[in-house]
Protein backbone atom coordinates (compact mmCIF):
# COMPACT_ATOMS: atom_id res chain seq x y z
CA MET A 1 -2.99 44.55 -22.71
CA LYS A 2 -5.83 42.26 -22.95
CA LYS A 3 -3.92 39.38 -21.84
CA SER A 4 -2.65 41.24 -18.76
CA VAL A 5 -6.16 41.94 -17.87
CA LEU A 6 -7.20 38.49 -18.24
CA GLY A 7 -4.21 37.06 -16.16
CA ALA A 8 -4.98 39.39 -13.60
CA LEU A 9 -8.57 38.22 -13.43
CA LEU A 10 -7.43 34.73 -13.34
CA PHE A 11 -4.88 35.64 -10.46
CA ALA A 12 -7.66 37.08 -8.39
CA GLY A 13 -10.05 34.04 -8.87
CA VAL A 14 -7.49 31.74 -7.97
CA THR A 15 -6.39 33.81 -5.06
CA ALA A 16 -10.18 34.03 -3.99
CA VAL A 17 -10.30 30.16 -3.98
CA PHE A 18 -7.26 29.90 -2.00
CA ALA A 19 -8.64 32.43 0.66
CA GLN A 20 -11.78 30.59 0.83
CA ARG A 21 -9.79 27.21 1.46
CA THR A 22 -8.01 29.05 4.27
CA GLU A 23 -11.23 29.83 5.97
CA MET A 24 -11.94 26.13 6.38
CA GLU A 25 -10.91 24.13 9.56
CA ARG A 26 -7.24 24.10 9.60
CA ILE A 27 -5.16 21.52 11.43
CA SER A 28 -1.23 21.40 11.56
CA LEU A 29 0.06 17.77 10.41
CA SER A 30 3.27 16.31 10.81
CA LEU A 31 4.56 13.32 8.86
CA ASP A 32 3.97 10.99 11.72
CA ASP A 33 0.58 12.02 12.19
CA ALA A 34 -0.33 11.61 8.47
CA VAL A 35 1.26 8.13 8.69
CA ALA A 36 -0.72 7.15 11.49
CA MET A 37 -4.04 8.34 10.15
CA ALA A 38 -3.40 6.52 6.53
CA GLN A 39 -2.69 3.31 8.72
CA GLU A 40 -6.13 3.73 10.50
CA ASN A 41 -8.31 5.02 7.37
CA ASN A 42 -6.84 4.03 4.17
CA VAL A 43 -9.34 1.92 2.04
CA SER A 44 -6.51 -0.63 0.91
CA ILE A 45 -5.22 -1.27 4.11
CA ALA A 46 -8.88 -2.00 5.45
CA ARG A 47 -9.49 -4.52 2.69
CA GLN A 48 -6.17 -6.13 3.24
CA LYS A 49 -7.11 -6.52 6.82
CA MET A 50 -10.41 -8.22 6.28
CA THR A 51 -8.43 -10.58 3.64
CA LEU A 52 -5.86 -11.31 6.59
CA SER A 53 -8.83 -11.85 8.95
CA ALA A 54 -10.50 -14.48 6.57
CA ALA A 55 -6.90 -16.31 6.35
CA GLU A 56 -6.77 -16.35 10.21
CA ARG A 57 -10.18 -17.82 10.52
CA ALA A 58 -9.45 -20.72 7.87
CA LYS A 59 -6.07 -21.27 9.78
CA ASN A 60 -7.79 -21.84 13.02
CA HIS A 61 -10.36 -23.98 11.49
CA SER A 62 -8.09 -26.11 9.26
CA TRP A 63 -8.38 -29.09 11.42
CA ASN A 64 -12.42 -29.23 10.95
CA SER A 65 -12.22 -32.19 8.17
CA ILE A 66 -11.56 -34.37 10.96
CA SER A 67 -14.50 -33.49 12.90
CA PRO A 68 -16.90 -36.35 13.39
CA SER A 69 -20.06 -36.50 11.59
CA VAL A 70 -23.37 -37.21 13.45
CA SER A 71 -26.84 -38.01 11.80
CA VAL A 72 -30.10 -39.34 13.44
CA SER A 73 -32.76 -40.87 11.49
CA GLY A 74 -36.48 -42.12 12.41
CA GLY A 75 -39.21 -43.75 10.60
CA VAL A 76 -42.92 -44.92 11.06
CA SER A 77 -44.42 -47.87 9.48
CA MET A 78 -48.27 -48.96 9.83
CA GLY A 79 -50.45 -51.33 8.13
CA ASP A 80 -53.01 -50.50 5.32
CA GLY A 81 -55.74 -53.13 6.41
CA ILE A 82 -55.36 -54.98 3.14
CA GLY A 83 -53.79 -58.59 3.24
CA ASP A 84 -51.06 -57.88 5.73
CA GLY A 85 -53.10 -58.73 8.78
CA LYS A 86 -52.66 -55.14 10.33
CA THR A 87 -54.89 -52.24 10.71
CA PRO A 88 -54.08 -48.80 10.52
CA SER A 89 -53.62 -48.45 14.19
CA ASP A 90 -50.87 -51.05 14.15
CA TYR A 91 -47.75 -49.10 13.62
CA GLU A 92 -43.91 -49.33 14.27
CA VAL A 93 -41.61 -46.34 15.13
CA SER A 94 -37.77 -46.84 14.62
CA LEU A 95 -34.70 -44.45 15.63
CA ARG A 96 -31.43 -44.74 14.44
CA GLY A 97 -28.17 -42.57 15.01
CA THR A 98 -24.82 -42.68 13.17
CA VAL A 99 -21.46 -41.38 13.76
CA SER A 100 -18.83 -41.47 11.48
CA LEU A 101 -15.21 -40.59 11.07
CA SER A 102 -12.62 -40.06 8.26
CA PHE A 103 -8.94 -39.36 8.34
CA SER A 104 -6.68 -38.67 5.58
CA PRO A 105 -3.01 -37.88 5.61
CA ASN A 106 -4.08 -34.76 3.85
CA LEU A 107 -5.02 -33.46 6.96
CA PHE A 108 -1.42 -32.49 8.00
CA THR A 109 -0.94 -30.82 4.81
CA ALA A 110 -4.21 -28.99 4.93
CA ILE A 111 -3.66 -27.61 8.34
CA LYS A 112 0.15 -26.51 7.22
CA SER A 113 -1.54 -25.11 3.96
CA ALA A 114 -3.92 -22.98 6.01
CA ARG A 115 -0.87 -21.80 8.18
CA LEU A 116 1.11 -20.93 5.47
CA ALA A 117 -1.67 -18.96 3.52
CA TYR A 118 -2.02 -17.02 6.83
CA GLU A 119 1.92 -16.37 6.89
CA GLN A 120 1.61 -15.16 3.23
CA GLY A 121 -1.40 -12.90 4.02
CA GLU A 122 0.64 -11.30 6.70
CA ILE A 123 3.40 -10.48 4.14
CA THR A 124 0.87 -9.09 1.93
CA TYR A 125 -0.86 -7.05 4.60
CA GLU A 126 2.44 -5.68 5.48
CA GLN A 127 3.49 -4.78 1.91
CA ALA A 128 0.09 -2.95 1.64
CA CYS A 129 0.76 -0.79 4.91
CA ARG A 130 4.38 -0.08 3.66
CA THR A 131 2.98 0.93 0.21
CA VAL A 132 0.62 3.23 1.75
CA GLU A 133 3.16 4.72 4.24
CA LEU A 134 5.79 5.21 1.19
CA ASN A 135 2.99 7.11 -0.91
CA VAL A 136 2.19 9.16 2.10
CA ARG A 137 5.62 10.24 3.00
CA LYS A 138 6.30 10.85 -0.55
CA ALA A 139 3.25 12.91 -1.17
CA PHE A 140 4.08 14.81 2.34
CA TYR A 141 7.39 15.75 1.29
CA GLY A 142 6.04 16.60 -2.30
CA LEU A 143 3.48 19.00 -0.87
CA LEU A 144 6.15 20.57 1.35
CA TYR A 145 8.09 21.15 -1.77
CA GLU A 146 5.11 22.63 -3.47
CA GLN A 147 4.32 24.78 -0.51
CA GLU A 148 8.00 26.25 -0.49
CA ASN A 149 7.94 26.59 -4.20
CA ILE A 150 5.04 28.56 -3.70
CA THR A 151 6.59 30.96 -1.18
CA LEU A 152 9.62 31.29 -3.40
CA GLN A 153 7.30 32.16 -6.43
CA ARG A 154 5.39 34.53 -4.39
CA ARG A 155 8.38 36.41 -2.84
CA ASN A 156 9.76 36.60 -6.72
CA LEU A 157 6.37 37.94 -7.59
CA GLN A 158 6.39 40.42 -4.75
CA THR A 159 9.87 41.68 -5.63
CA ALA A 160 8.80 42.18 -9.28
CA LYS A 161 5.83 44.19 -8.17
CA GLU A 162 7.83 46.28 -5.86
CA GLN A 163 10.35 46.99 -8.81
CA TYR A 164 7.27 47.69 -10.94
CA GLU A 165 5.98 50.38 -8.67
CA GLN A 166 9.66 51.79 -7.97
CA ASN A 167 10.25 52.13 -11.77
CA GLN A 168 6.55 53.83 -12.09
CA ALA A 169 7.51 56.40 -9.44
CA LYS A 170 10.96 57.06 -10.94
CA TYR A 171 9.26 57.42 -14.35
CA ASN A 172 6.89 59.96 -12.77
CA GLN A 173 9.69 61.86 -11.36
CA GLY A 174 11.23 61.95 -14.82
CA ARG A 175 14.29 59.70 -13.83
CA MET A 176 13.43 56.65 -16.04
CA SER A 177 12.34 56.03 -19.38
CA GLU A 178 8.77 54.56 -20.39
CA LEU A 179 10.44 51.47 -21.76
CA ASP A 180 12.03 50.34 -18.51
CA VAL A 181 8.72 50.80 -16.67
CA LEU A 182 6.87 48.69 -19.35
CA SER A 183 9.71 46.08 -19.06
CA ALA A 184 9.17 45.85 -15.26
CA GLU A 185 5.47 45.44 -15.69
CA VAL A 186 5.92 42.91 -18.45
CA LYS A 187 8.05 41.01 -15.87
CA TYR A 188 5.48 41.35 -12.94
CA LYS A 189 2.45 40.52 -14.95
CA GLY A 190 4.12 37.49 -16.71
CA LEU A 191 5.11 35.95 -13.15
CA GLN A 192 1.12 35.89 -12.04
CA PRO A 193 0.35 32.68 -14.02
CA THR A 194 3.25 30.89 -12.45
CA VAL A 195 2.09 31.33 -9.07
CA GLU A 196 -1.42 30.65 -10.15
CA SER A 197 -0.42 27.41 -11.64
CA ALA A 198 1.60 26.46 -8.38
CA TYR A 199 -1.54 27.25 -6.21
CA VAL A 200 -3.87 24.96 -8.50
CA THR A 201 -1.19 22.08 -8.18
CA PHE A 202 -0.96 22.34 -4.69
CA LEU A 203 -4.78 22.50 -3.87
CA ASN A 204 -5.35 19.30 -6.27
CA ASP A 205 -2.71 17.22 -4.77
CA LEU A 206 -3.83 18.37 -1.48
CA ASP A 207 -7.16 16.86 -2.01
CA ALA A 208 -5.64 13.70 -3.18
CA PHE A 209 -3.58 13.50 0.08
CA ARG A 210 -6.74 14.06 2.19
CA GLN A 211 -8.09 11.05 0.36
CA MET A 212 -5.34 8.94 0.88
CA ILE A 213 -5.14 9.32 4.68
CA GLY A 214 -8.90 9.45 5.21
CA MET A 215 -9.39 12.95 6.08
CA GLN A 216 -12.36 15.02 5.41
CA ASP A 217 -11.97 17.41 2.40
CA THR A 218 -13.45 20.19 4.87
CA ILE A 219 -10.03 20.53 6.49
CA PHE A 220 -7.45 22.44 5.42
CA VAL A 221 -3.78 21.17 6.30
CA GLU A 222 -0.62 23.06 7.28
CA PHE A 223 2.14 20.84 6.96
CA GLN A 224 4.73 20.91 9.51
CA GLY A 225 8.54 20.91 8.96
CA SER A 226 10.84 21.67 5.78
CA LEU A 227 12.79 19.67 3.25
CA ASP A 228 15.83 21.08 5.16
CA ASP A 229 14.63 19.11 8.14
CA VAL A 230 15.62 15.80 6.51
CA VAL A 231 19.27 15.02 7.08
CA MET A 232 21.02 12.34 5.06
CA PRO A 233 24.32 10.88 6.16
CA ASP A 234 27.47 11.92 4.16
CA VAL A 235 27.77 8.19 3.03
CA ILE A 236 24.53 5.85 3.04
CA SER A 237 25.80 2.32 3.29
CA LEU A 238 23.79 -0.61 3.80
CA ASP A 239 26.87 -2.84 5.34
CA ASN A 240 25.13 -3.04 8.80
CA VAL A 241 21.44 -2.90 7.63
CA GLU A 242 19.59 -6.28 7.91
CA ILE A 243 17.72 -6.44 4.68
CA ASN A 244 14.34 -8.27 4.65
CA ALA A 245 12.95 -7.28 0.92
CA PRO A 246 9.26 -8.09 0.79
CA THR A 247 9.66 -9.58 -2.50
CA ILE A 248 12.40 -12.02 -1.37
CA ALA A 249 10.32 -13.19 1.64
CA SER A 250 7.21 -13.49 -0.43
CA LEU A 251 8.83 -15.80 -2.99
CA GLN A 252 10.30 -17.82 0.15
CA LYS A 253 6.92 -18.28 1.47
CA GLN A 254 5.37 -19.46 -1.90
CA ILE A 255 8.17 -22.02 -2.18
CA GLU A 256 7.27 -23.37 1.22
CA SER A 257 3.70 -23.42 0.13
CA ALA A 258 4.44 -25.08 -2.86
CA LYS A 259 6.66 -27.88 -1.06
CA ASN A 260 3.52 -28.59 0.94
CA SER A 261 1.33 -28.79 -2.08
CA LEU A 262 3.83 -31.45 -3.43
CA LEU A 263 3.45 -33.41 -0.23
CA ALA A 264 -0.44 -33.05 -0.54
CA SER A 265 0.01 -34.53 -4.14
CA ARG A 266 1.96 -37.48 -2.75
CA PHE A 267 -0.39 -38.15 0.11
CA SER A 268 -3.43 -38.27 -2.47
CA ALA A 269 -1.15 -40.39 -4.92
CA TYR A 270 0.06 -43.02 -2.51
CA ALA A 271 -1.21 -42.66 1.15
CA PRO A 272 -4.32 -44.70 2.29
CA SER A 273 -7.36 -42.91 3.75
CA LEU A 274 -9.10 -44.62 6.82
CA ASN A 275 -12.96 -44.31 7.52
CA ALA A 276 -14.81 -45.55 10.80
CA SER A 277 -18.48 -45.37 11.73
CA TRP A 278 -20.62 -46.40 14.55
CA GLN A 279 -24.51 -47.00 14.02
CA HIS A 280 -27.04 -47.52 16.98
CA GLY A 281 -30.87 -47.96 16.68
CA LEU A 282 -33.91 -48.69 18.83
CA ILE A 283 -36.76 -50.59 17.57
CA PRO A 284 -39.84 -51.80 19.68
CA ALA A 285 -40.17 -55.50 19.83
CA ASP A 286 -44.02 -55.57 20.42
CA GLY A 287 -45.07 -53.40 17.36
CA THR A 288 -46.36 -50.50 19.39
CA HIS A 289 -45.11 -46.95 19.74
CA ILE A 290 -41.60 -46.40 20.82
CA ALA A 291 -42.86 -44.55 23.74
CA GLN A 292 -45.41 -47.06 24.88
CA SER A 293 -43.28 -50.29 24.31
CA SER A 294 -42.17 -52.37 27.37
CA GLN A 295 -39.51 -53.98 25.18
CA LEU A 296 -37.05 -52.59 22.82
CA ASP A 297 -34.80 -54.30 20.39
CA THR A 298 -31.58 -52.76 19.70
CA SER A 299 -29.00 -53.08 16.75
CA GLY A 300 -25.73 -51.51 16.50
CA THR A 301 -22.71 -51.88 14.08
CA ILE A 302 -19.16 -50.80 13.92
CA SER A 303 -17.22 -50.41 10.64
CA LEU A 304 -13.72 -49.63 9.73
CA SER A 305 -12.32 -49.28 6.29
CA ALA A 306 -8.96 -48.25 4.56
CA THR A 307 -8.90 -46.75 0.95
CA ILE A 308 -5.41 -47.36 -0.77
CA PRO A 309 -5.01 -45.41 -4.06
CA LEU A 310 -3.18 -47.49 -6.65
CA ASP A 311 -2.83 -45.34 -9.60
CA GLY A 312 -0.28 -43.22 -8.00
CA VAL A 313 2.29 -46.12 -9.15
CA LEU A 314 1.18 -45.50 -12.79
CA PRO A 315 3.67 -42.54 -14.23
CA TRP A 316 0.73 -41.66 -16.59
CA SER A 317 -1.95 -41.28 -14.13
CA THR A 318 -3.70 -38.16 -13.17
CA ARG A 319 -2.11 -38.37 -9.59
CA ALA A 320 1.07 -39.07 -10.82
CA ASP A 321 0.87 -36.26 -13.12
CA ALA A 322 -0.23 -33.89 -10.24
CA VAL A 323 3.12 -34.79 -8.43
CA ASN A 324 5.07 -33.86 -11.23
CA THR A 325 3.57 -30.57 -11.68
CA ALA A 326 3.86 -29.75 -8.04
CA LYS A 327 7.71 -30.66 -8.61
CA ASP A 328 7.68 -28.11 -11.75
CA LYS A 329 6.07 -25.34 -9.75
CA ILE A 330 8.72 -25.69 -6.93
CA ALA A 331 11.65 -25.29 -9.69
CA ASP A 332 9.86 -22.44 -11.26
CA LEU A 333 9.56 -20.52 -7.94
CA GLU A 334 13.21 -21.25 -7.11
CA LEU A 335 14.39 -19.75 -10.42
CA GLN A 336 12.02 -16.76 -9.44
CA LEU A 337 13.81 -16.38 -6.10
CA ALA A 338 17.45 -16.74 -7.70
CA ASP A 339 16.33 -14.11 -10.31
CA ALA A 340 14.76 -11.78 -7.49
CA GLU A 341 17.87 -11.89 -5.29
CA LYS A 342 20.09 -10.95 -8.21
CA SER A 343 17.49 -7.97 -9.34
CA LEU A 344 17.65 -6.98 -5.72
CA LYS A 345 21.24 -6.46 -5.71
CA VAL A 346 21.34 -4.53 -8.91
CA SER A 347 18.54 -2.43 -7.93
CA THR A 348 19.98 -1.41 -4.74
CA GLU A 349 23.63 -0.85 -6.04
CA SER A 350 21.80 1.40 -8.64
CA ALA A 351 19.80 3.43 -6.08
CA LEU A 352 22.95 3.84 -3.71
CA ARG A 353 24.83 5.27 -6.88
CA ASN A 354 21.68 7.74 -7.61
CA ILE A 355 21.66 8.82 -4.05
CA ARG A 356 25.25 9.64 -4.03
CA GLN A 357 24.82 11.76 -7.31
CA SER A 358 21.95 13.48 -5.66
CA GLN A 359 23.70 14.38 -2.65
CA SER A 360 26.69 15.65 -4.79
CA SER A 361 24.27 17.74 -6.83
CA ILE A 362 22.86 19.05 -3.77
CA VAL A 363 26.17 20.33 -2.41
CA SER A 364 26.66 22.16 -5.86
CA LYS A 365 23.30 23.63 -5.95
CA HIS A 366 23.66 24.98 -2.39
CA ALA A 367 26.78 26.94 -3.89
CA ASN A 368 24.63 27.93 -6.87
CA VAL A 369 22.20 29.33 -4.61
CA GLU A 370 24.74 31.18 -2.47
CA LEU A 371 26.30 32.86 -5.72
CA ALA A 372 23.08 33.45 -7.23
CA GLN A 373 22.12 35.52 -3.94
CA ARG A 374 25.49 37.45 -4.11
CA THR A 375 25.03 38.14 -7.78
CA TYR A 376 21.40 39.55 -7.39
CA ASP A 377 22.37 41.46 -4.40
CA MET A 378 25.27 43.20 -6.19
CA THR A 379 23.17 43.94 -9.16
CA LEU A 380 20.56 45.46 -7.31
CA LEU A 381 22.99 47.76 -5.70
CA ALA A 382 24.39 48.57 -8.89
CA TYR A 383 21.00 49.18 -10.54
CA ASN A 384 20.03 51.33 -7.60
CA ARG A 385 23.24 53.09 -8.55
CA GLY A 386 22.71 53.33 -12.09
CA THR A 387 25.51 51.33 -13.10
CA LYS A 388 23.39 48.24 -14.20
CA ASP A 389 20.21 48.31 -16.57
CA LEU A 390 16.86 46.73 -15.69
CA LEU A 391 17.61 43.71 -17.93
CA SER A 392 20.51 42.75 -15.67
CA LEU A 393 18.63 42.96 -12.52
CA GLN A 394 15.82 40.69 -13.93
CA ASN A 395 18.12 38.38 -15.19
CA ALA A 396 19.86 37.89 -11.70
CA SER A 397 16.37 37.39 -10.06
CA ASP A 398 15.53 35.03 -12.64
CA SER A 399 18.87 33.04 -11.87
CA LEU A 400 18.27 33.39 -8.02
CA LEU A 401 14.61 31.83 -8.24
CA SER A 402 15.85 29.21 -10.66
CA ALA A 403 18.64 27.97 -8.25
CA GLN A 404 16.52 28.05 -5.36
CA VAL A 405 13.68 26.20 -7.07
CA SER A 406 16.27 23.43 -8.31
CA LEU A 407 17.83 22.94 -4.94
CA LYS A 408 14.50 22.23 -3.57
CA ASN A 409 13.47 19.98 -6.21
CA GLU A 410 16.99 18.00 -5.97
CA GLN A 411 16.27 17.88 -2.09
CA ARG A 412 12.72 16.08 -2.75
CA THR A 413 14.51 13.88 -5.43
CA LEU A 414 16.85 12.74 -2.67
CA ILE A 415 14.49 12.05 -0.07
CA ASN A 416 12.17 9.97 -2.54
CA ALA A 417 15.30 8.16 -3.61
CA VAL A 418 16.00 7.10 -0.01
CA LEU A 419 12.38 6.13 0.70
CA GLU A 420 12.32 3.96 -2.38
CA LEU A 421 15.36 2.31 -1.17
CA GLU A 422 14.12 1.65 2.08
CA ASN A 423 10.93 0.14 0.81
CA THR A 424 12.85 -2.02 -1.57
CA ILE A 425 15.12 -3.63 1.11
CA GLY A 426 12.39 -3.67 3.69
CA VAL A 427 13.88 -1.66 6.55
CA PRO A 428 11.59 0.80 8.71
CA PHE A 429 11.34 4.34 6.86
CA GLY A 430 13.60 6.82 8.53
CA THR A 431 16.54 3.99 8.71
CA LEU A 432 18.90 5.76 6.21
CA SER A 433 18.01 9.45 7.11
CA GLN A 434 17.02 11.19 10.20
CA LYS A 435 15.49 14.54 11.25
CA LYS A 436 17.29 17.30 12.72
């Protein structure tokens, strides 16, 4: 009896919390709306966007190593009046400017490296967006499942309550034993914790979902749609689907970058570097201030130089080792790519088998729901006629609820499996399924 009272109080408390939530600002949210909000407000996407912007800036300025260096220098000299024949008022002022320019073949690889880094950043950013969208879609359908599960649990609870009240009325009329009334009450009170737990789970997951899409926690969401709205083709095939797996694309870009690094190592080991500079200066010829001098001496020099590394030809040198290390990096990435392509094929085939199994299971569970519904309806009719006992009716009700929840759960499992497959092969979400 104490457990029943505590359960009732807890149920009332959870219901009050839920009622308070329903007094919040309410919005009706579709799946597309949720995805759009996440793309706009999700923190991880915003961070990846900043990283991509930095890579783009580096790409646009990757040529800056060839930018000329300009410097200006000036000086003043004057006598100290001791032994040099000059007084402190005698002074000379000089002004000199220098322009220098360096060119190395590594400029080409540096520009290409910055471009490849940006393209790799684009792949990473796209992966981040797809990961967030995948999580939003799975969470959305998960909350739809929880919503529908709450509806089923509440309906089952209401049915148990009505059955308990009917039995209480029959007992008061002397047409039912007290044992049957107590059994109906135990059934009704025993379902309350299940409904309470479903409410709490839904509210907790709703909070996490709002954070994911960047929505204020003062808004209560009503989710549009149903798990039944997602329709899967009878046969899901990838025969006419263009596969662009992000993992494969990333490794291919890494190999391209590694080949560019190999070329840069070879340039460092074998290619010459060129340097050019021009220097020009003005010095007053009559020993006066440059602004007062009537005659200026000018001096200018142009210098060209080339630096040719020779240690690259030595197989034990540091630069030769760098070339070999770059070759090893390419070979390692090519092995990873070959393994990733095999893993993609294996995981894709496995996912397709799981999807087909889930589709077959849904067909069976639809039939189970129909059978359980007919069994419950017939048992209820027989119970009202007095040919079935209360236990038989309760068992039929439990079987119906179990079949309904199992069907909804399998629908969610199928949706998640298709979403994971779409994410793995890199196709737009919804390619393998459609809405009614």
